[in-house]
Amino acid sequence: MDMESLMAQAQDLQTKIAAAQDSLAQKQVRGIGGNGGVIITMTGKYDVLDVNINDAALAGGAQNLSVFVMDAYKDAKEKADALIEKTMSEVTGSLSE
């Protein structure tokens, strides 16, 4: 493989990665904590868009609420991680071809 072809492939990959990152910024995941008492919505780039806390989650006090929020965040982050892995493997999968 010549250098020109290699550079073209690298530029193509860079374009595909940028497009995948733009796509991830538009996709949303929802994390749930406290049996639905707290719902966090974030993008595939970990930007938190919304935190929804219902009245039932507040009834347990501040300590329980903080646990629910952390659980919802962890759930959302795990879902975003999976989305990122899937999206980027689709882009980089072409490297093995």
N, C-alpha and C. Protein backbone atom coordinates (compact mmCIF):
# COMPACT_ATOMS: atom_id res chain seq x y z
N MET A 1 0.86 -1.18 0.00
CA MET A 1 0.00 0.00 0.00
C MET A 1 0.90 1.23 0.00
N ASP A 2 0.60 2.14 -0.89
CA ASP A 2 1.43 3.34 -0.98
C ASP A 2 0.98 4.39 0.03
N MET A 3 1.84 5.36 0.23
CA MET A 3 1.60 6.39 1.25
C MET A 3 0.35 7.22 0.93
N GLU A 4 0.13 7.53 -0.35
CA GLU A 4 -1.02 8.33 -0.75
C GLU A 4 -2.34 7.60 -0.41
N SER A 5 -2.36 6.33 -0.67
CA SER A 5 -3.55 5.52 -0.36
C SER A 5 -3.78 5.45 1.14
N LEU A 6 -2.70 5.31 1.88
CA LEU A 6 -2.79 5.25 3.34
C LEU A 6 -3.31 6.57 3.91
N MET A 7 -2.84 7.67 3.37
CA MET A 7 -3.30 8.99 3.82
C MET A 7 -4.78 9.20 3.50
N ALA A 8 -5.21 8.72 2.34
CA ALA A 8 -6.62 8.84 1.95
C ALA A 8 -7.50 8.02 2.90
N GLN A 9 -7.04 6.83 3.25
CA GLN A 9 -7.79 6.00 4.20
C GLN A 9 -7.86 6.66 5.57
N ALA A 10 -6.77 7.26 6.01
CA ALA A 10 -6.75 7.94 7.30
C ALA A 10 -7.71 9.12 7.31
N GLN A 11 -7.75 9.88 6.23
CA GLN A 11 -8.64 11.02 6.14
C GLN A 11 -10.10 10.55 6.11
N ASP A 12 -10.37 9.46 5.40
CA ASP A 12 -11.72 8.90 5.35
C ASP A 12 -12.16 8.45 6.74
N LEU A 13 -11.26 7.80 7.46
CA LEU A 13 -11.57 7.36 8.82
C LEU A 13 -11.83 8.55 9.73
N GLN A 14 -11.04 9.59 9.60
CA GLN A 14 -11.22 10.79 10.41
C GLN A 14 -12.59 11.43 10.13
N THR A 15 -13.00 11.45 8.89
CA THR A 15 -14.32 11.99 8.52
C THR A 15 -15.43 11.14 9.13
N LYS A 16 -15.28 9.82 9.07
CA LYS A 16 -16.29 8.92 9.62
C LYS A 16 -16.39 9.05 11.14
N ILE A 17 -15.26 9.22 11.80
CA ILE A 17 -15.26 9.38 13.26
C ILE A 17 -15.95 10.70 13.64
N ALA A 18 -15.66 11.75 12.91
CA ALA A 18 -16.31 13.04 13.20
C ALA A 18 -17.82 12.94 13.01
N ALA A 19 -18.25 12.24 11.97
CA ALA A 19 -19.68 12.05 11.74
C ALA A 19 -20.31 11.22 12.85
N ALA A 20 -19.59 10.21 13.32
CA ALA A 20 -20.10 9.37 14.41
C ALA A 20 -20.22 10.19 15.70
N GLN A 21 -19.25 11.05 15.97
CA GLN A 21 -19.31 11.90 17.15
C GLN A 21 -20.48 12.88 17.07
N ASP A 22 -20.73 13.42 15.89
CA ASP A 22 -21.89 14.30 15.71
C ASP A 22 -23.18 13.54 15.96
N SER A 23 -23.22 12.31 15.47
CA SER A 23 -24.40 11.47 15.67
C SER A 23 -24.62 11.17 17.15
N LEU A 24 -23.54 10.88 17.86
CA LEU A 24 -23.65 10.60 19.30
C LEU A 24 -24.17 11.82 20.07
N ALA A 25 -23.81 13.00 19.62
CA ALA A 25 -24.27 14.22 20.29
C ALA A 25 -25.78 14.40 20.14
N GLN A 26 -26.35 13.80 19.10
CA GLN A 26 -27.79 13.92 18.85
C GLN A 26 -28.61 12.81 19.50
N LYS A 27 -27.97 11.70 19.83
CA LYS A 27 -28.69 10.57 20.42
C LYS A 27 -28.81 10.75 21.92
N GLN A 28 -29.90 10.20 22.47
CA GLN A 28 -30.15 10.34 23.90
C GLN A 28 -30.37 8.97 24.54
N VAL A 29 -29.95 8.88 25.79
CA VAL A 29 -30.21 7.71 26.62
C VAL A 29 -30.84 8.19 27.92
N ARG A 30 -31.56 7.28 28.57
CA ARG A 30 -32.19 7.62 29.85
C ARG A 30 -31.73 6.65 30.91
N GLY A 31 -31.29 7.20 32.02
CA GLY A 31 -30.91 6.40 33.17
C GLY A 31 -31.97 6.53 34.24
N ILE A 32 -32.27 5.40 34.89
CA ILE A 32 -33.34 5.37 35.87
C ILE A 32 -32.79 4.94 37.23
N GLY A 33 -33.19 5.66 38.27
CA GLY A 33 -32.82 5.32 39.63
C GLY A 33 -34.04 5.39 40.53
N GLY A 34 -33.99 4.67 41.63
CA GLY A 34 -35.10 4.71 42.59
C GLY A 34 -36.41 4.23 42.00
N ASN A 35 -36.36 3.15 41.23
CA ASN A 35 -37.58 2.59 40.62
C ASN A 35 -38.36 3.62 39.82
N GLY A 36 -37.63 4.48 39.11
CA GLY A 36 -38.26 5.49 38.28
C GLY A 36 -38.45 6.82 38.97
N GLY A 37 -38.02 6.91 40.22
CA GLY A 37 -38.15 8.17 40.95
C GLY A 37 -37.26 9.27 40.41
N VAL A 38 -36.15 8.87 39.82
CA VAL A 38 -35.21 9.82 39.21
C VAL A 38 -34.87 9.31 37.81
N ILE A 39 -35.00 10.18 36.83
CA ILE A 39 -34.65 9.84 35.45
C ILE A 39 -33.71 10.92 34.93
N ILE A 40 -32.56 10.47 34.45
CA ILE A 40 -31.57 11.38 33.89
C ILE A 40 -31.47 11.09 32.39
N THR A 41 -31.58 12.14 31.60
CA THR A 41 -31.43 12.03 30.15
C THR A 41 -30.11 12.67 29.77
N MET A 42 -29.29 11.91 29.01
CA MET A 42 -28.01 12.45 28.55
C MET A 42 -27.78 12.05 27.10
N THR A 43 -26.86 12.76 26.46
CA THR A 43 -26.51 12.45 25.08
C THR A 43 -25.47 11.34 25.05
N GLY A 44 -25.18 10.89 23.85
CA GLY A 44 -24.12 9.92 23.65
C GLY A 44 -22.74 10.51 23.85
N LYS A 45 -22.68 11.78 24.21
CA LYS A 45 -21.40 12.41 24.54
C LYS A 45 -21.37 12.84 26.01
N TYR A 46 -22.24 12.24 26.80
CA TYR A 46 -22.33 12.44 28.25
C TYR A 46 -22.84 13.81 28.69
N ASP A 47 -23.45 14.56 27.79
CA ASP A 47 -24.04 15.84 28.20
C ASP A 47 -25.39 15.56 28.85
N VAL A 48 -25.56 15.97 30.10
CA VAL A 48 -26.82 15.77 30.79
C VAL A 48 -27.81 16.81 30.29
N LEU A 49 -28.95 16.32 29.79
CA LEU A 49 -29.97 17.20 29.22
C LEU A 49 -31.10 17.48 30.19
N ASP A 50 -31.39 16.50 31.06
CA ASP A 50 -32.53 16.65 31.95
C ASP A 50 -32.37 15.74 33.16
N VAL A 51 -32.81 16.22 34.29
CA VAL A 51 -32.91 15.42 35.52
C VAL A 51 -34.34 15.58 36.01
N ASN A 52 -35.05 14.47 36.02
CA ASN A 52 -36.45 14.47 36.43
C ASN A 52 -36.56 13.74 37.76
N ILE A 53 -37.07 14.42 38.77
CA ILE A 53 -37.23 13.84 40.10
C ILE A 53 -38.70 13.93 40.47
N ASN A 54 -39.32 12.77 40.74
CA ASN A 54 -40.74 12.82 41.11
C ASN A 54 -40.90 12.97 42.62
N ASP A 55 -42.09 13.30 43.03
CA ASP A 55 -42.36 13.57 44.44
C ASP A 55 -42.06 12.38 45.34
N ALA A 56 -42.32 11.18 44.85
CA ALA A 56 -42.07 9.98 45.67
C ALA A 56 -40.59 9.85 46.01
N ALA A 57 -39.72 10.23 45.09
CA ALA A 57 -38.27 10.17 45.35
C ALA A 57 -37.86 11.16 46.43
N LEU A 58 -38.57 12.27 46.51
CA LEU A 58 -38.26 13.28 47.53
C LEU A 58 -38.68 12.84 48.93
N ALA A 59 -39.69 11.98 49.00
CA ALA A 59 -40.24 11.58 50.29
C ALA A 59 -39.23 10.80 51.15
N GLY A 60 -38.25 10.18 50.52
CA GLY A 60 -37.28 9.38 51.26
C GLY A 60 -36.17 10.18 51.90
N GLY A 61 -36.15 11.48 51.68
CA GLY A 61 -35.12 12.32 52.27
C GLY A 61 -33.92 12.50 51.35
N ALA A 62 -33.04 13.37 51.78
CA ALA A 62 -31.89 13.76 50.96
C ALA A 62 -30.93 12.59 50.71
N GLN A 63 -30.71 11.77 51.72
CA GLN A 63 -29.77 10.65 51.57
C GLN A 63 -30.25 9.69 50.49
N ASN A 64 -31.52 9.30 50.55
CA ASN A 64 -32.07 8.40 49.53
C ASN A 64 -32.07 9.06 48.16
N LEU A 65 -32.42 10.33 48.11
CA LEU A 65 -32.45 11.04 46.84
C LEU A 65 -31.08 11.04 46.18
N SER A 66 -30.03 11.27 46.97
CA SER A 66 -28.69 11.28 46.39
C SER A 66 -28.32 9.91 45.82
N VAL A 67 -28.74 8.84 46.48
CA VAL A 67 -28.50 7.48 45.97
C VAL A 67 -29.25 7.28 44.66
N PHE A 68 -30.51 7.72 44.60
CA PHE A 68 -31.31 7.58 43.38
C PHE A 68 -30.69 8.34 42.22
N VAL A 69 -30.20 9.55 42.50
CA VAL A 69 -29.58 10.36 41.44
C VAL A 69 -28.31 9.67 40.94
N MET A 70 -27.49 9.18 41.84
CA MET A 70 -26.27 8.48 41.43
C MET A 70 -26.60 7.22 40.64
N ASP A 71 -27.60 6.48 41.07
CA ASP A 71 -28.01 5.27 40.33
C ASP A 71 -28.49 5.62 38.93
N ALA A 72 -29.27 6.68 38.82
CA ALA A 72 -29.78 7.10 37.51
C ALA A 72 -28.62 7.55 36.62
N TYR A 73 -27.67 8.27 37.19
CA TYR A 73 -26.52 8.73 36.41
C TYR A 73 -25.69 7.53 35.93
N LYS A 74 -25.42 6.59 36.83
CA LYS A 74 -24.64 5.40 36.44
C LYS A 74 -25.35 4.63 35.34
N ASP A 75 -26.66 4.49 35.45
CA ASP A 75 -27.44 3.78 34.44
C ASP A 75 -27.34 4.49 33.09
N ALA A 76 -27.51 5.81 33.10
CA ALA A 76 -27.42 6.58 31.86
C ALA A 76 -26.01 6.49 31.26
N LYS A 77 -24.99 6.57 32.11
CA LYS A 77 -23.61 6.50 31.61
C LYS A 77 -23.32 5.13 31.00
N GLU A 78 -23.79 4.06 31.63
CA GLU A 78 -23.59 2.72 31.07
C GLU A 78 -24.25 2.59 29.71
N LYS A 79 -25.45 3.16 29.58
CA LYS A 79 -26.15 3.11 28.30
C LYS A 79 -25.43 3.96 27.25
N ALA A 80 -24.91 5.11 27.66
CA ALA A 80 -24.14 5.95 26.74
C ALA A 80 -22.85 5.25 26.33
N ASP A 81 -22.18 4.58 27.28
CA ASP A 81 -20.97 3.83 26.97
C ASP A 81 -21.26 2.76 25.91
N ALA A 82 -22.36 2.04 26.08
CA ALA A 82 -22.73 0.99 25.12
C ALA A 82 -23.03 1.59 23.75
N LEU A 83 -23.70 2.72 23.74
CA LEU A 83 -24.03 3.40 22.49
C LEU A 83 -22.75 3.87 21.78
N ILE A 84 -21.83 4.43 22.55
CA ILE A 84 -20.55 4.88 21.99
C ILE A 84 -19.77 3.70 21.43
N GLU A 85 -19.70 2.63 22.19
CA GLU A 85 -18.95 1.45 21.73
C GLU A 85 -19.54 0.90 20.43
N LYS A 86 -20.85 0.80 20.37
CA LYS A 86 -21.52 0.29 19.17
C LYS A 86 -21.27 1.22 17.98
N THR A 87 -21.46 2.49 18.18
CA THR A 87 -21.29 3.47 17.10
C THR A 87 -19.86 3.49 16.58
N MET A 88 -18.90 3.52 17.49
CA MET A 88 -17.50 3.60 17.07
C MET A 88 -17.01 2.28 16.47
N SER A 89 -17.53 1.15 16.93
CA SER A 89 -17.12 -0.13 16.33
C SER A 89 -17.65 -0.25 14.91
N GLU A 90 -18.80 0.37 14.63
CA GLU A 90 -19.31 0.39 13.27
C GLU A 90 -18.36 1.18 12.35
N VAL A 91 -17.80 2.25 12.90
CA VAL A 91 -16.87 3.07 12.11
C VAL A 91 -15.53 2.37 11.95
N THR A 92 -14.99 1.87 13.04
CA THR A 92 -13.66 1.28 13.00
C THR A 92 -13.67 -0.15 12.51
N GLY A 93 -14.84 -0.77 12.41
CA GLY A 93 -14.92 -2.12 11.91
C GLY A 93 -14.38 -2.24 10.49
N SER A 94 -14.47 -1.14 9.75
CA SER A 94 -13.97 -1.16 8.38
C SER A 94 -12.45 -1.25 8.33
N LEU A 95 -11.78 -1.03 9.44
CA LEU A 95 -10.31 -1.14 9.45
C LEU A 95 -9.84 -2.58 9.27
N SER A 96 -10.66 -3.51 9.71
CA SER A 96 -10.23 -4.91 9.62
C SER A 96 -10.54 -5.52 8.27
N GLU A 97 -11.22 -4.76 7.42
CA GLU A 97 -11.57 -5.28 6.09
C GLU A 97 -10.44 -5.07 5.10
